[in-house]
Amino acid sequence: MCSECGYECQHTFVWVTDKEATATEAGLKHEECMVCGYAKAAVEIPATTVPLAGDAGSMAQWVALLVVSAGGPGGMLLHSRRRRTTK
């Protein structure tokens, strides 16, 4: 007999989401046995993103980050290709 649920079973646990995480708020999930329904204690799901300085929803920050990571305006779009010459 299982000391956790009181039944004779081999637990087969799956994750069950109680509350979805958002960009700014953590969520909750717990493991639940598919055989007997015994549920373990809930654990936190971290927020999906960490806000940058200021408003997390600021489109201007994301555009600036994209431009800087691309090497300036059009940085990745203007990639040149050298031709190799064989002798």
PDB file of N, CA and C in Angstrom:
ATOM      1  N   MET A   1       0.849  -1.175   0.000  1.00  0.00           N
ATOM      2  CA  MET A   1       0.000   0.000   0.000  1.00  0.00           C
ATOM      3  C   MET A   1       0.898   1.244   0.000  1.00  0.00           C
ATOM      4  N   CYS A   2       0.517   2.199  -0.802  1.00  0.00           N
ATOM      5  CA  CYS A   2       1.296   3.436  -0.936  1.00  0.00           C
ATOM      6  C   CYS A   2       1.062   4.335   0.274  1.00  0.00           C
ATOM      7  N   SER A   3       2.137   4.866   0.822  1.00  0.00           N
ATOM      8  CA  SER A   3       2.017   5.758   1.979  1.00  0.00           C
ATOM      9  C   SER A   3       1.511   7.152   1.581  1.00  0.00           C
ATOM     10  N   GLU A   4       1.597   7.494   0.284  1.00  0.00           N
ATOM     11  CA  GLU A   4       1.153   8.810  -0.165  1.00  0.00           C
ATOM     12  C   GLU A   4      -0.347   8.860  -0.449  1.00  0.00           C
ATOM     13  N   CYS A   5      -0.864   7.845  -1.155  1.00  0.00           N
ATOM     14  CA  CYS A   5      -2.260   7.901  -1.572  1.00  0.00           C
ATOM     15  C   CYS A   5      -3.148   6.874  -0.888  1.00  0.00           C
ATOM     16  N   GLY A   6      -2.559   5.831  -0.278  1.00  0.00           N
ATOM     17  CA  GLY A   6      -3.342   4.806   0.387  1.00  0.00           C
ATOM     18  C   GLY A   6      -3.796   3.676  -0.518  1.00  0.00           C
ATOM     19  N   TYR A   7      -3.459   3.724  -1.819  1.00  0.00           N
ATOM     20  CA  TYR A   7      -3.848   2.687  -2.772  1.00  0.00           C
ATOM     21  C   TYR A   7      -2.668   1.773  -3.091  1.00  0.00           C
ATOM     22  N   GLU A   8      -2.985   0.619  -3.660  1.00  0.00           N
ATOM     23  CA  GLU A   8      -1.967  -0.279  -4.198  1.00  0.00           C
ATOM     24  C   GLU A   8      -1.760   0.126  -5.656  1.00  0.00           C
ATOM     25  N   CYS A   9      -0.764   0.934  -5.956  1.00  0.00           N
ATOM     26  CA  CYS A   9      -0.544   1.320  -7.355  1.00  0.00           C
ATOM     27  C   CYS A   9       0.918   1.693  -7.574  1.00  0.00           C
ATOM     28  N   GLN A  10       1.321   1.622  -8.813  1.00  0.00           N
ATOM     29  CA  GLN A  10       2.615   2.146  -9.244  1.00  0.00           C
ATOM     30  C   GLN A  10       2.306   3.520  -9.833  1.00  0.00           C
ATOM     31  N   HIS A  11       2.753   4.564  -9.160  1.00  0.00           N
ATOM     32  CA  HIS A  11       2.427   5.917  -9.623  1.00  0.00           C
ATOM     33  C   HIS A  11       3.035   6.201 -10.987  1.00  0.00           C
ATOM     34  N   THR A  12       2.252   6.819 -11.841  1.00  0.00           N
ATOM     35  CA  THR A  12       2.693   7.313 -13.136  1.00  0.00           C
ATOM     36  C   THR A  12       2.313   8.788 -13.165  1.00  0.00           C
ATOM     37  N   PHE A  13       3.290   9.655 -12.869  1.00  0.00           N
ATOM     38  CA  PHE A  13       3.006  11.083 -12.727  1.00  0.00           C
ATOM     39  C   PHE A  13       3.108  11.826 -14.054  1.00  0.00           C
ATOM     40  N   VAL A  14       2.218  12.781 -14.230  1.00  0.00           N
ATOM     41  CA  VAL A  14       2.246  13.723 -15.355  1.00  0.00           C
ATOM     42  C   VAL A  14       2.102  15.123 -14.774  1.00  0.00           C
ATOM     43  N   TRP A  15       2.643  16.116 -15.494  1.00  0.00           N
ATOM     44  CA  TRP A  15       2.523  17.507 -15.052  1.00  0.00           C
ATOM     45  C   TRP A  15       1.158  18.054 -15.445  1.00  0.00           C
ATOM     46  N   VAL A  16       0.523  18.753 -14.528  1.00  0.00           N
ATOM     47  CA  VAL A  16      -0.763  19.424 -14.756  1.00  0.00           C
ATOM     48  C   VAL A  16      -0.562  20.901 -14.453  1.00  0.00           C
ATOM     49  N   THR A  17      -0.921  21.766 -15.415  1.00  0.00           N
ATOM     50  CA  THR A  17      -0.771  23.206 -15.227  1.00  0.00           C
ATOM     51  C   THR A  17      -2.011  23.761 -14.539  1.00  0.00           C
ATOM     52  N   ASP A  18      -1.812  24.381 -13.388  1.00  0.00           N
ATOM     53  CA  ASP A  18      -2.908  24.995 -12.642  1.00  0.00           C
ATOM     54  C   ASP A  18      -3.157  26.425 -13.096  1.00  0.00           C
ATOM     55  N   LYS A  19      -2.066  27.153 -13.354  1.00  0.00           N
ATOM     56  CA  LYS A  19      -2.150  28.551 -13.793  1.00  0.00           C
ATOM     57  C   LYS A  19      -0.997  28.792 -14.753  1.00  0.00           C
ATOM     58  N   GLU A  20      -1.304  29.200 -15.986  1.00  0.00           N
ATOM     59  CA  GLU A  20      -0.280  29.486 -16.991  1.00  0.00           C
ATOM     60  C   GLU A  20       0.574  30.689 -16.571  1.00  0.00           C
ATOM     61  N   ALA A  21       1.851  30.632 -16.853  1.00  0.00           N
ATOM     62  CA  ALA A  21       2.729  31.776 -16.625  1.00  0.00           C
ATOM     63  C   ALA A  21       2.512  32.792 -17.736  1.00  0.00           C
ATOM     64  N   THR A  22       2.642  34.055 -17.399  1.00  0.00           N
ATOM     65  CA  THR A  22       2.572  35.121 -18.400  1.00  0.00           C
ATOM     66  C   THR A  22       3.938  35.775 -18.492  1.00  0.00           C
ATOM     67  N   ALA A  23       4.031  36.828 -19.273  1.00  0.00           N
ATOM     68  CA  ALA A  23       5.303  37.528 -19.425  1.00  0.00           C
ATOM     69  C   ALA A  23       5.754  38.164 -18.118  1.00  0.00           C
ATOM     70  N   THR A  24       4.811  38.513 -17.256  1.00  0.00           N
ATOM     71  CA  THR A  24       5.175  39.219 -16.022  1.00  0.00           C
ATOM     72  C   THR A  24       4.799  38.473 -14.747  1.00  0.00           C
ATOM     73  N   GLU A  25       3.936  37.460 -14.818  1.00  0.00           N
ATOM     74  CA  GLU A  25       3.502  36.751 -13.621  1.00  0.00           C
ATOM     75  C   GLU A  25       3.824  35.267 -13.704  1.00  0.00           C
ATOM     76  N   ALA A  26       4.262  34.718 -12.580  1.00  0.00           N
ATOM     77  CA  ALA A  26       4.569  33.286 -12.503  1.00  0.00           C
ATOM     78  C   ALA A  26       3.277  32.477 -12.520  1.00  0.00           C
ATOM     79  N   GLY A  27       3.387  31.222 -12.934  1.00  0.00           N
ATOM     80  CA  GLY A  27       2.248  30.311 -12.927  1.00  0.00           C
ATOM     81  C   GLY A  27       2.468  29.207 -11.906  1.00  0.00           C
ATOM     82  N   LEU A  28       1.587  28.204 -11.913  1.00  0.00           N
ATOM     83  CA  LEU A  28       1.696  27.072 -10.997  1.00  0.00           C
ATOM     84  C   LEU A  28       1.440  25.776 -11.748  1.00  0.00           C
ATOM     85  N   LYS A  29       2.144  24.700 -11.350  1.00  0.00           N
ATOM     86  CA  LYS A  29       1.908  23.374 -11.903  1.00  0.00           C
ATOM     87  C   LYS A  29       2.166  22.342 -10.809  1.00  0.00           C
ATOM     88  N   HIS A  30       1.591  21.162 -10.971  1.00  0.00           N
ATOM     89  CA  HIS A  30       1.814  20.084 -10.015  1.00  0.00           C
ATOM     90  C   HIS A  30       1.873  18.749 -10.764  1.00  0.00           C
ATOM     91  N   GLU A  31       2.444  17.740 -10.122  1.00  0.00           N
ATOM     92  CA  GLU A  31       2.474  16.406 -10.696  1.00  0.00           C
ATOM     93  C   GLU A  31       1.284  15.627 -10.136  1.00  0.00           C
ATOM     94  N   GLU A  32       0.613  14.895 -11.020  1.00  0.00           N
ATOM     95  CA  GLU A  32      -0.556  14.124 -10.616  1.00  0.00           C
ATOM     96  C   GLU A  32      -0.446  12.715 -11.186  1.00  0.00           C
ATOM     97  N   CYS A  33      -0.780  11.703 -10.368  1.00  0.00           N
ATOM     98  CA  CYS A  33      -0.712  10.316 -10.795  1.00  0.00           C
ATOM     99  C   CYS A  33      -1.873  10.014 -11.739  1.00  0.00           C
ATOM    100  N   MET A  34      -1.564   9.423 -12.899  1.00  0.00           N
ATOM    101  CA  MET A  34      -2.598   9.057 -13.864  1.00  0.00           C
ATOM    102  C   MET A  34      -3.395   7.842 -13.399  1.00  0.00           C
ATOM    103  N   VAL A  35      -2.836   7.048 -12.480  1.00  0.00           N
ATOM    104  CA  VAL A  35      -3.491   5.833 -12.019  1.00  0.00           C
ATOM    105  C   VAL A  35      -4.518   6.128 -10.923  1.00  0.00           C
ATOM    106  N   CYS A  36      -4.085   6.825  -9.856  1.00  0.00           N
ATOM    107  CA  CYS A  36      -4.963   7.008  -8.693  1.00  0.00           C
ATOM    108  C   CYS A  36      -5.395   8.456  -8.464  1.00  0.00           C
ATOM    109  N   GLY A  37      -4.775   9.425  -9.167  1.00  0.00           N
ATOM    110  CA  GLY A  37      -5.149  10.823  -9.007  1.00  0.00           C
ATOM    111  C   GLY A  37      -4.422  11.553  -7.897  1.00  0.00           C
ATOM    112  N   TYR A  38      -3.481  10.880  -7.198  1.00  0.00           N
ATOM    113  CA  TYR A  38      -2.718  11.538  -6.129  1.00  0.00           C
ATOM    114  C   TYR A  38      -1.947  12.716  -6.729  1.00  0.00           C
ATOM    115  N   ALA A  39      -1.996  13.876  -6.064  1.00  0.00           N
ATOM    116  CA  ALA A  39      -1.333  15.084  -6.555  1.00  0.00           C
ATOM    117  C   ALA A  39      -0.231  15.506  -5.590  1.00  0.00           C
ATOM    118  N   LYS A  40       0.940  15.806  -6.138  1.00  0.00           N
ATOM    119  CA  LYS A  40       2.039  16.350  -5.344  1.00  0.00           C
ATOM    120  C   LYS A  40       1.820  17.854  -5.152  1.00  0.00           C
ATOM    121  N   ALA A  41       2.609  18.457  -4.295  1.00  0.00           N
ATOM    122  CA  ALA A  41       2.507  19.901  -4.035  1.00  0.00           C
ATOM    123  C   ALA A  41       2.833  20.689  -5.301  1.00  0.00           C
ATOM    124  N   ALA A  42       2.161  21.812  -5.471  1.00  0.00           N
ATOM    125  CA  ALA A  42       2.363  22.668  -6.640  1.00  0.00           C
ATOM    126  C   ALA A  42       3.722  23.354  -6.572  1.00  0.00           C
ATOM    127  N   VAL A  43       4.291  23.589  -7.756  1.00  0.00           N
ATOM    128  CA  VAL A  43       5.551  24.329  -7.885  1.00  0.00           C
ATOM    129  C   VAL A  43       5.320  25.507  -8.829  1.00  0.00           C
ATOM    130  N   GLU A  44       6.188  26.497  -8.725  1.00  0.00           N
ATOM    131  CA  GLU A  44       6.050  27.708  -9.523  1.00  0.00           C
ATOM    132  C   GLU A  44       6.619  27.527 -10.923  1.00  0.00           C
ATOM    133  N   ILE A  45       5.915  28.085 -11.910  1.00  0.00           N
ATOM    134  CA  ILE A  45       6.419  28.201 -13.279  1.00  0.00           C
ATOM    135  C   ILE A  45       6.902  29.634 -13.415  1.00  0.00           C
ATOM    136  N   PRO A  46       8.182  29.871 -13.728  1.00  0.00           N
ATOM    137  CA  PRO A  46       8.673  31.251 -13.831  1.00  0.00           C
ATOM    138  C   PRO A  46       7.969  32.041 -14.933  1.00  0.00           C
ATOM    139  N   ALA A  47       7.932  33.351 -14.766  1.00  0.00           N
ATOM    140  CA  ALA A  47       7.388  34.225 -15.806  1.00  0.00           C
ATOM    141  C   ALA A  47       8.166  33.971 -17.090  1.00  0.00           C
ATOM    142  N   THR A  48       7.514  34.141 -18.244  1.00  0.00           N
ATOM    143  CA  THR A  48       8.128  33.781 -19.517  1.00  0.00           C
ATOM    144  C   THR A  48       9.247  34.719 -19.949  1.00  0.00           C
ATOM    145  N   THR A  49       9.201  35.986 -19.569  1.00  0.00           N
ATOM    146  CA  THR A  49      10.280  36.920 -19.905  1.00  0.00           C
ATOM    147  C   THR A  49      10.588  37.796 -18.703  1.00  0.00           C
ATOM    148  N   VAL A  50      11.788  38.318 -18.688  1.00  0.00           N
ATOM    149  CA  VAL A  50      12.181  39.269 -17.652  1.00  0.00           C
ATOM    150  C   VAL A  50      12.091  40.652 -18.272  1.00  0.00           C
ATOM    151  N   PRO A  51      11.299  41.545 -17.714  1.00  0.00           N
ATOM    152  CA  PRO A  51      11.164  42.870 -18.310  1.00  0.00           C
ATOM    153  C   PRO A  51      12.482  43.644 -18.314  1.00  0.00           C
ATOM    154  N   LEU A  52      12.713  44.377 -19.379  1.00  0.00           N
ATOM    155  CA  LEU A  52      13.868  45.268 -19.455  1.00  0.00           C
ATOM    156  C   LEU A  52      13.541  46.508 -18.635  1.00  0.00           C
ATOM    157  N   ALA A  53      14.441  47.461 -18.599  1.00  0.00           N
ATOM    158  CA  ALA A  53      14.194  48.703 -17.866  1.00  0.00           C
ATOM    159  C   ALA A  53      12.922  49.360 -18.384  1.00  0.00           C
ATOM    160  N   GLY A  54      12.099  49.801 -17.491  1.00  0.00           N
ATOM    161  CA  GLY A  54      10.873  50.474 -17.899  1.00  0.00           C
ATOM    162  C   GLY A  54       9.751  49.494 -18.144  1.00  0.00           C
ATOM    163  N   ASP A  55       8.877  49.830 -19.058  1.00  0.00           N
ATOM    164  CA  ASP A  55       7.690  49.040 -19.365  1.00  0.00           C
ATOM    165  C   ASP A  55       8.067  47.780 -20.138  1.00  0.00           C
ATOM    166  N   ALA A  56       7.604  46.627 -19.666  1.00  0.00           N
ATOM    167  CA  ALA A  56       7.910  45.355 -20.320  1.00  0.00           C
ATOM    168  C   ALA A  56       7.277  45.260 -21.699  1.00  0.00           C
ATOM    169  N   GLY A  57       6.251  46.028 -21.957  1.00  0.00           N
ATOM    170  CA  GLY A  57       5.556  45.937 -23.233  1.00  0.00           C
ATOM    171  C   GLY A  57       5.973  47.012 -24.226  1.00  0.00           C
ATOM    172  N   SER A  58       7.040  47.732 -23.959  1.00  0.00           N
ATOM    173  CA  SER A  58       7.459  48.825 -24.818  1.00  0.00           C
ATOM    174  C   SER A  58       8.063  48.298 -26.120  1.00  0.00           C
ATOM    175  N   MET A  59       7.365  48.535 -27.224  1.00  0.00           N
ATOM    176  CA  MET A  59       7.832  48.078 -28.536  1.00  0.00           C
ATOM    177  C   MET A  59       9.124  48.784 -28.936  1.00  0.00           C
ATOM    178  N   ALA A  60       9.303  50.032 -28.535  1.00  0.00           N
ATOM    179  CA  ALA A  60      10.509  50.786 -28.889  1.00  0.00           C
ATOM    180  C   ALA A  60      11.761  50.110 -28.335  1.00  0.00           C
ATOM    181  N   GLN A  61      11.684  49.552 -27.129  1.00  0.00           N
ATOM    182  CA  GLN A  61      12.840  48.856 -26.547  1.00  0.00           C
ATOM    183  C   GLN A  61      13.202  47.617 -27.368  1.00  0.00           C
ATOM    184  N   TRP A  62      12.198  46.860 -27.776  1.00  0.00           N
ATOM    185  CA  TRP A  62      12.461  45.642 -28.545  1.00  0.00           C
ATOM    186  C   TRP A  62      13.030  45.973 -29.927  1.00  0.00           C
ATOM    187  N   VAL A  63      12.532  47.028 -30.560  1.00  0.00           N
ATOM    188  CA  VAL A  63      13.058  47.437 -31.863  1.00  0.00           C
ATOM    189  C   VAL A  63      14.498  47.906 -31.725  1.00  0.00           C
ATOM    190  N   ALA A  64      14.795  48.688 -30.693  1.00  0.00           N
ATOM    191  CA  ALA A  64      16.163  49.159 -30.465  1.00  0.00           C
ATOM    192  C   ALA A  64      17.099  47.979 -30.214  1.00  0.00           C
ATOM    193  N   LEU A  65      16.650  47.010 -29.429  1.00  0.00           N
ATOM    194  CA  LEU A  65      17.459  45.830 -29.169  1.00  0.00           C
ATOM    195  C   LEU A  65      17.727  45.051 -30.449  1.00  0.00           C
ATOM    196  N   LEU A  66      16.731  44.926 -31.296  1.00  0.00           N
ATOM    197  CA  LEU A  66      16.886  44.235 -32.570  1.00  0.00           C
ATOM    198  C   LEU A  66      17.892  44.948 -33.471  1.00  0.00           C
ATOM    199  N   VAL A  67      17.795  46.271 -33.550  1.00  0.00           N
ATOM    200  CA  VAL A  67      18.708  47.053 -34.390  1.00  0.00           C
ATOM    201  C   VAL A  67      20.145  46.940 -33.883  1.00  0.00           C
ATOM    202  N   VAL A  68      20.339  47.052 -32.579  1.00  0.00           N
ATOM    203  CA  VAL A  68      21.678  46.968 -32.003  1.00  0.00           C
ATOM    204  C   VAL A  68      22.267  45.577 -32.221  1.00  0.00           C
ATOM    205  N   SER A  69      21.466  44.528 -32.028  1.00  0.00           N
ATOM    206  CA  SER A  69      21.977  43.170 -32.188  1.00  0.00           C
ATOM    207  C   SER A  69      22.277  42.838 -33.642  1.00  0.00           C
ATOM    208  N   ALA A  70      21.644  43.550 -34.565  1.00  0.00           N
ATOM    209  CA  ALA A  70      21.892  43.316 -35.986  1.00  0.00           C
ATOM    210  C   ALA A  70      23.073  44.128 -36.497  1.00  0.00           C
ATOM    211  N   GLY A  71      23.706  44.898 -35.661  1.00  0.00           N
ATOM    212  CA  GLY A  71      24.868  45.681 -36.078  1.00  0.00           C
ATOM    213  C   GLY A  71      24.508  47.019 -36.677  1.00  0.00           C
ATOM    214  N   GLY A  72      23.442  47.624 -36.238  1.00  0.00           N
ATOM    215  CA  GLY A  72      23.025  48.925 -36.747  1.00  0.00           C
ATOM    216  C   GLY A  72      21.943  48.761 -37.797  1.00  0.00           C
ATOM    217  N   PRO A  73      21.461  49.872 -38.336  1.00  0.00           N
ATOM    218  CA  PRO A  73      20.384  49.798 -39.329  1.00  0.00           C
ATOM    219  C   PRO A  73      20.809  48.968 -40.542  1.00  0.00           C
ATOM    220  N   GLY A  74      20.137  47.880 -40.767  1.00  0.00           N
ATOM    221  CA  GLY A  74      20.432  47.035 -41.922  1.00  0.00           C
ATOM    222  C   GLY A  74      21.709  46.243 -41.798  1.00  0.00           C
ATOM    223  N   GLY A  75      22.302  46.171 -40.625  1.00  0.00           N
ATOM    224  CA  GLY A  75      23.589  45.493 -40.439  1.00  0.00           C
ATOM    225  C   GLY A  75      23.622  44.070 -40.951  1.00  0.00           C
ATOM    226  N   MET A  76      22.626  43.295 -40.625  1.00  0.00           N
ATOM    227  CA  MET A  76      22.615  41.912 -41.081  1.00  0.00           C
ATOM    228  C   MET A  76      22.083  41.796 -42.501  1.00  0.00           C
ATOM    229  N   LEU A  77      21.335  42.779 -42.953  1.00  0.00           N
ATOM    230  CA  LEU A  77      20.768  42.711 -44.291  1.00  0.00           C
ATOM    231  C   LEU A  77      21.795  43.037 -45.370  1.00  0.00           C
ATOM    232  N   LEU A  78      22.839  43.760 -45.009  1.00  0.00           N
ATOM    233  CA  LEU A  78      23.828  44.192 -45.987  1.00  0.00           C
ATOM    234  C   LEU A  78      25.082  43.315 -45.967  1.00  0.00           C
ATOM    235  N   HIS A  79      24.915  42.082 -45.645  1.00  0.00           N
ATOM    236  CA  HIS A  79      26.039  41.154 -45.592  1.00  0.00           C
ATOM    237  C   HIS A  79      26.587  40.957 -47.003  1.00  0.00           C
ATOM    238  N   SER A  80      27.880  41.198 -47.168  1.00  0.00           N
ATOM    239  CA  SER A  80      28.474  41.040 -48.498  1.00  0.00           C
ATOM    240  C   SER A  80      29.099  39.658 -48.626  1.00  0.00           C
ATOM    241  N   ARG A  81      29.177  39.192 -49.846  1.00  0.00           N
ATOM    242  CA  ARG A  81      29.731  37.877 -50.109  1.00  0.00           C
ATOM    243  C   ARG A  81      30.921  38.037 -51.048  1.00  0.00           C
ATOM    244  N   ARG A  82      32.057  37.548 -50.609  1.00  0.00           N
ATOM    245  CA  ARG A  82      33.258  37.622 -51.448  1.00  0.00           C
ATOM    246  C   ARG A  82      33.313  36.420 -52.368  1.00  0.00           C
ATOM    247  N   ARG A  83      33.792  36.671 -53.532  1.00  0.00           N
ATOM    248  CA  ARG A  83      34.006  35.588 -54.465  1.00  0.00           C
ATOM    249  C   ARG A  83      35.434  35.121 -54.350  1.00  0.00           C
ATOM    250  N   ARG A  84      35.611  33.858 -54.337  1.00  0.00           N
ATOM    251  CA  ARG A  84      36.960  33.293 -54.325  1.00  0.00           C
ATOM    252  C   ARG A  84      37.390  33.067 -55.765  1.00  0.00           C
ATOM    253  N   THR A  85      38.594  33.475 -56.027  1.00  0.00           N
ATOM    254  CA  THR A  85      39.131  33.217 -57.366  1.00  0.00           C
ATOM    255  C   THR A  85      40.125  32.075 -57.270  1.00  0.00           C
ATOM    256  N   THR A  86      40.084  31.222 -58.223  1.00  0.00           N
ATOM    257  CA  THR A  86      41.029  30.103 -58.248  1.00  0.00           C
ATOM    258  C   THR A  86      42.083  30.375 -59.284  1.00  0.00           C
ATOM    259  N   LYS A  87      43.275  29.942 -58.990  1.00  0.00           N
ATOM    260  CA  LYS A  87      44.383  30.180 -59.915  1.00  0.00           C
ATOM    261  C   LYS A  87      44.856  28.893 -60.500  1.00  0.00           C
TER     262      LYS A  87
END
